[in-house]
Amino acid sequence: MAIPARRIDTLQSVELAEGMEIHLRAAGPFLRFIAYFLDLIFEGLILLVLVFTIGIIGSVLGANVATGVYYLLYFFIWWFYHVFFEISRWGATPGKRIFGLRVVDEAGGAVTLGQSMIRNFLRGMEIVTPFVPLVAFFHPRFQRLGDLAAGSLVVYSKPRVEYSVAGPSAMVSVPVTCALTREEEAAILSFRYRSGGWSEARRVELTNHLQPLTGEVGPKGVNKLLGMARWLEGQR
């Protein structure tokens, strides 16, 4: 019997075609909003420099030419500022880089030009439609409408360092008689590798949720789950 998985954090597991598994930490909408606000400030500073520069050009080429050049550059900055930085080697705008964020595709790779254009051009519709941006708050990976259309994610660029202490090894190996997914097996092994730093009450609390699998609760459930972990280790 398979135990239904339930996400309790923003760590996303992605299985690649080669059978490898990577983990991505999706960035929440609040931090992304602050990064976007910073990028608006940077865009404004760029436009301010352009105003002074084009003002000098206008005195030579004329006001009409200077105005045309300004609106042309304004168009490219508004629509392609994010695209330019997202397809660069950094994979992020200056605002996102300040907070250690990066835009990737759903497999964890760099976004393509097409993906970046889709996710950013749809932002125009999100700005004028009040409730569309709320999609990111309710999506498990905090994807905007543009991210869903482009198949992209905003993640933390640096992996999270997790300190773990292995739990006690079970005296007896307990065979797992039901079918488990790869993720469920990894969760049982993770319990074994990390539970050494938890209190006994915490270990009992977690294993009680797995009573349909172990058939036990309390300390007996902990021992049985550790025995299952030992059996799974022997199968690898």
Protein backbone atom coordinates (compact mmCIF):
# COMPACT_ATOMS: atom_id res chain seq x y z
CA MET A 1 0.00 0.00 0.00
CA ALA A 2 1.48 3.32 -1.07
CA ILE A 3 1.43 6.20 1.41
CA PRO A 4 0.25 9.49 -0.21
CA ALA A 5 3.02 12.06 -0.20
CA ARG A 6 2.38 15.56 1.10
CA ARG A 7 4.79 18.44 0.62
CA ILE A 8 5.71 20.27 3.79
CA ASP A 9 8.28 22.66 2.32
CA THR A 10 9.35 24.21 -0.97
CA LEU A 11 11.93 21.55 -1.83
CA GLN A 12 11.03 20.13 -5.23
CA SER A 13 12.33 16.77 -6.47
CA VAL A 14 12.92 16.52 -10.21
CA GLU A 15 13.84 13.26 -11.92
CA LEU A 16 15.91 13.73 -15.07
CA ALA A 17 15.81 11.55 -18.15
CA GLU A 18 19.10 9.91 -17.11
CA GLY A 19 17.47 8.64 -13.92
CA MET A 20 19.23 11.24 -11.76
CA GLU A 21 17.25 13.18 -9.18
CA ILE A 22 17.87 16.83 -8.33
CA HIS A 23 16.28 19.09 -5.73
CA LEU A 24 15.14 22.65 -6.36
CA ARG A 25 14.03 25.14 -3.71
CA ALA A 26 11.19 27.23 -5.11
CA ALA A 27 11.31 30.90 -4.06
CA GLY A 28 8.20 32.36 -2.46
CA PRO A 29 6.17 35.22 -3.98
CA PHE A 30 7.03 37.76 -1.26
CA LEU A 31 10.79 37.62 -1.88
CA ARG A 32 10.21 37.58 -5.63
CA PHE A 33 8.07 40.73 -5.34
CA ILE A 34 10.84 42.56 -3.50
CA ALA A 35 13.35 41.46 -6.17
CA TYR A 36 10.96 42.68 -8.88
CA PHE A 37 10.59 46.03 -7.10
CA LEU A 38 14.38 46.40 -7.01
CA ASP A 39 14.52 45.68 -10.72
CA LEU A 40 11.97 48.43 -11.32
CA ILE A 41 14.31 50.81 -9.49
CA PHE A 42 17.24 49.65 -11.63
CA GLU A 43 15.17 50.11 -14.79
CA GLY A 44 14.25 53.60 -13.64
CA LEU A 45 17.91 54.47 -13.08
CA ILE A 46 18.77 53.22 -16.57
CA LEU A 47 16.00 55.37 -18.05
CA LEU A 48 17.20 58.37 -16.04
CA VAL A 49 20.68 58.00 -17.53
CA LEU A 50 19.10 57.70 -20.98
CA VAL A 51 17.16 60.93 -20.46
CA PHE A 52 20.35 62.88 -19.79
CA THR A 53 22.23 61.15 -22.61
CA ILE A 54 19.45 61.64 -25.16
CA GLY A 55 19.06 65.23 -24.00
CA ILE A 56 22.62 65.83 -25.16
CA ILE A 57 21.94 64.02 -28.43
CA GLY A 58 18.80 66.11 -28.91
CA SER A 59 20.79 69.31 -28.95
CA VAL A 60 22.64 67.94 -31.98
CA LEU A 61 20.10 65.82 -33.88
CA GLY A 62 16.95 67.62 -32.86
CA ALA A 63 14.17 67.04 -30.34
CA ASN A 64 12.05 64.78 -32.57
CA VAL A 65 14.92 62.35 -33.19
CA ALA A 66 15.86 62.35 -29.51
CA THR A 67 12.25 61.63 -28.50
CA GLY A 68 12.01 58.77 -30.99
CA VAL A 69 15.25 57.22 -29.76
CA TYR A 70 14.07 57.51 -26.15
CA TYR A 71 10.75 55.75 -26.78
CA LEU A 72 12.49 53.02 -28.76
CA LEU A 73 14.97 52.35 -25.95
CA TYR A 74 12.17 52.57 -23.37
CA PHE A 75 10.29 49.84 -25.27
CA PHE A 76 13.30 47.50 -25.28
CA ILE A 77 14.11 48.12 -21.62
CA TRP A 78 10.50 47.54 -20.50
CA TRP A 79 10.06 44.30 -22.47
CA PHE A 80 13.56 42.85 -22.64
CA TYR A 81 15.32 43.87 -19.40
CA HIS A 82 14.31 40.64 -17.66
CA VAL A 83 14.80 38.52 -20.78
CA PHE A 84 18.37 39.76 -21.29
CA PHE A 85 19.47 38.81 -17.77
CA GLU A 86 17.50 35.55 -17.52
CA ILE A 87 19.16 34.03 -20.60
CA SER A 88 22.59 35.25 -19.50
CA ARG A 89 25.04 33.05 -17.60
CA TRP A 90 23.61 34.40 -14.31
CA GLY A 91 20.07 33.30 -15.14
CA ALA A 92 18.65 36.17 -13.10
CA THR A 93 18.10 39.91 -13.08
CA PRO A 94 20.18 42.06 -10.70
CA GLY A 95 17.23 42.21 -8.28
CA LYS A 96 16.96 38.41 -8.14
CA ARG A 97 20.72 37.98 -7.85
CA ILE A 98 20.78 40.18 -4.74
CA PHE A 99 18.47 37.67 -3.02
CA GLY A 100 20.18 34.60 -4.45
CA LEU A 101 17.39 33.69 -6.87
CA ARG A 102 17.58 32.22 -10.35
CA VAL A 103 15.12 31.45 -13.16
CA VAL A 104 15.31 27.85 -14.45
CA ASP A 105 13.15 25.51 -16.47
CA GLU A 106 11.19 22.76 -14.72
CA ALA A 107 14.10 20.33 -15.13
CA GLY A 108 16.50 22.72 -13.38
CA GLY A 109 18.30 23.86 -16.54
CA ALA A 110 18.72 27.35 -17.98
CA VAL A 111 15.65 28.88 -19.59
CA THR A 112 15.65 29.43 -23.34
CA LEU A 113 15.03 32.73 -25.07
CA GLY A 114 11.50 31.61 -25.94
CA GLN A 115 10.70 30.58 -22.36
CA SER A 116 11.98 33.86 -20.95
CA MET A 117 10.01 35.90 -23.48
CA ILE A 118 6.78 34.01 -22.69
CA ARG A 119 7.10 34.37 -18.91
CA ASN A 120 7.92 38.07 -19.13
CA PHE A 121 5.55 39.14 -21.88
CA LEU A 122 2.64 37.57 -19.97
CA ARG A 123 3.54 39.81 -17.03
CA GLY A 124 1.80 42.64 -18.89
CA MET A 125 -1.50 40.77 -18.62
CA GLU A 126 -0.83 39.96 -14.98
CA ILE A 127 -0.31 43.63 -14.17
CA VAL A 128 -3.62 44.75 -15.66
CA THR A 129 -5.61 41.76 -14.31
CA PRO A 130 -5.91 42.14 -10.50
CA PHE A 131 -6.38 38.50 -9.47
CA VAL A 132 -4.03 36.71 -11.88
CA PRO A 133 -0.87 37.41 -9.78
CA LEU A 134 -2.52 35.56 -6.87
CA VAL A 135 -1.96 32.30 -8.75
CA ALA A 136 1.62 32.26 -7.43
CA PHE A 137 0.43 32.34 -3.81
CA PHE A 138 -1.67 29.17 -4.17
CA HIS A 139 0.54 27.15 -6.49
CA PRO A 140 2.72 24.57 -4.64
CA ARG A 141 5.80 25.79 -6.54
CA PHE A 142 4.78 29.48 -6.50
CA GLN A 143 4.63 29.64 -10.28
CA ARG A 144 3.08 32.71 -11.89
CA LEU A 145 0.84 32.41 -14.93
CA GLY A 146 3.88 33.27 -17.04
CA ASP A 147 5.91 30.52 -15.35
CA LEU A 148 3.17 27.96 -15.99
CA ALA A 149 2.99 28.93 -19.66
CA ALA A 150 6.78 28.92 -20.10
CA GLY A 151 7.54 25.89 -17.94
CA SER A 152 9.86 27.89 -15.69
CA LEU A 153 10.58 28.19 -11.98
CA VAL A 154 12.19 30.79 -9.74
CA VAL A 155 14.47 28.97 -7.31
CA TYR A 156 17.23 29.68 -4.85
CA SER A 157 20.53 29.58 -6.72
CA LYS A 158 22.47 28.13 -3.79
CA PRO A 159 21.52 24.71 -2.40
CA ARG A 160 20.21 24.53 1.14
CA VAL A 161 22.68 22.95 3.54
CA GLU A 162 20.99 20.49 5.84
CA TYR A 163 22.79 19.18 8.88
CA SER A 164 21.70 15.69 9.87
CA VAL A 165 22.55 13.12 12.49
CA ALA A 166 21.86 9.49 11.72
CA GLY A 167 19.37 7.73 13.97
CA PRO A 168 20.10 4.47 15.75
CA SER A 169 20.41 1.42 13.56
CA ALA A 170 17.66 -1.16 13.97
CA MET A 171 18.66 -4.50 15.46
CA VAL A 172 16.41 -6.44 13.09
CA SER A 173 15.82 -5.91 9.39
CA VAL A 174 12.09 -5.65 8.60
CA PRO A 175 11.14 -6.49 4.98
CA VAL A 176 8.84 -4.04 3.24
CA THR A 177 5.96 -6.09 1.86
CA CYS A 178 4.03 -3.34 0.07
CA ALA A 179 4.87 -1.42 -3.10
CA LEU A 180 6.59 1.89 -2.44
CA THR A 181 7.49 4.66 -4.82
CA ARG A 182 11.10 5.83 -5.08
CA GLU A 183 10.18 8.98 -3.19
CA GLU A 184 8.57 6.99 -0.34
CA GLU A 185 11.65 4.79 -0.04
CA ALA A 186 13.82 7.91 0.08
CA ALA A 187 11.60 9.33 2.86
CA ILE A 188 12.04 6.20 4.99
CA LEU A 189 15.80 6.24 4.49
CA SER A 190 15.87 9.97 5.23
CA PHE A 191 14.17 9.25 8.56
CA ARG A 192 16.99 6.84 9.38
CA TYR A 193 19.72 9.28 8.34
CA ARG A 194 18.29 12.36 10.05
CA SER A 195 16.36 11.22 13.13
CA GLY A 196 19.43 11.08 15.36
CA GLY A 197 19.12 14.81 15.97
CA TRP A 198 15.45 14.61 16.97
CA SER A 199 13.90 13.91 20.33
CA GLU A 200 12.19 10.58 20.93
CA ALA A 201 8.84 12.40 21.05
CA ARG A 202 9.47 13.87 17.60
CA ARG A 203 10.40 10.46 16.15
CA VAL A 204 7.23 8.96 17.61
CA GLU A 205 5.12 11.82 16.29
CA LEU A 206 6.35 11.27 12.73
CA THR A 207 6.13 7.50 12.73
CA ASN A 208 2.60 7.60 14.12
CA HIS A 209 1.55 9.13 10.79
CA LEU A 210 2.90 5.99 9.10
CA GLN A 211 0.84 3.57 11.18
CA PRO A 212 -0.98 2.31 8.02
CA LEU A 213 2.44 1.22 6.73
CA THR A 214 4.10 -0.06 9.91
CA GLY A 215 1.03 -1.32 11.74
CA GLU A 216 2.52 0.10 14.96
CA VAL A 217 2.51 3.36 16.93
CA GLY A 218 4.78 4.80 19.58
CA PRO A 219 8.29 3.41 20.14
CA LYS A 220 7.34 0.15 18.42
CA GLY A 221 6.47 2.13 15.28
CA VAL A 222 9.87 3.88 15.43
CA ASN A 223 11.72 0.57 15.73
CA LYS A 224 9.76 -0.99 12.90
CA LEU A 225 10.37 1.97 10.59
CA LEU A 226 14.09 1.84 11.36
CA GLY A 227 14.00 -1.88 10.58
CA MET A 228 12.39 -1.12 7.23
CA ALA A 229 15.09 1.45 6.53
CA ARG A 230 17.75 -1.16 7.30
CA TRP A 231 16.06 -3.62 4.90
CA LEU A 232 15.88 -0.96 2.15
CA GLU A 233 19.57 -0.19 2.65
CA GLY A 234 20.35 -3.85 2.08
CA GLN A 235 18.41 -3.85 -1.20
CA ARG A 236 20.58 -1.12 -2.72
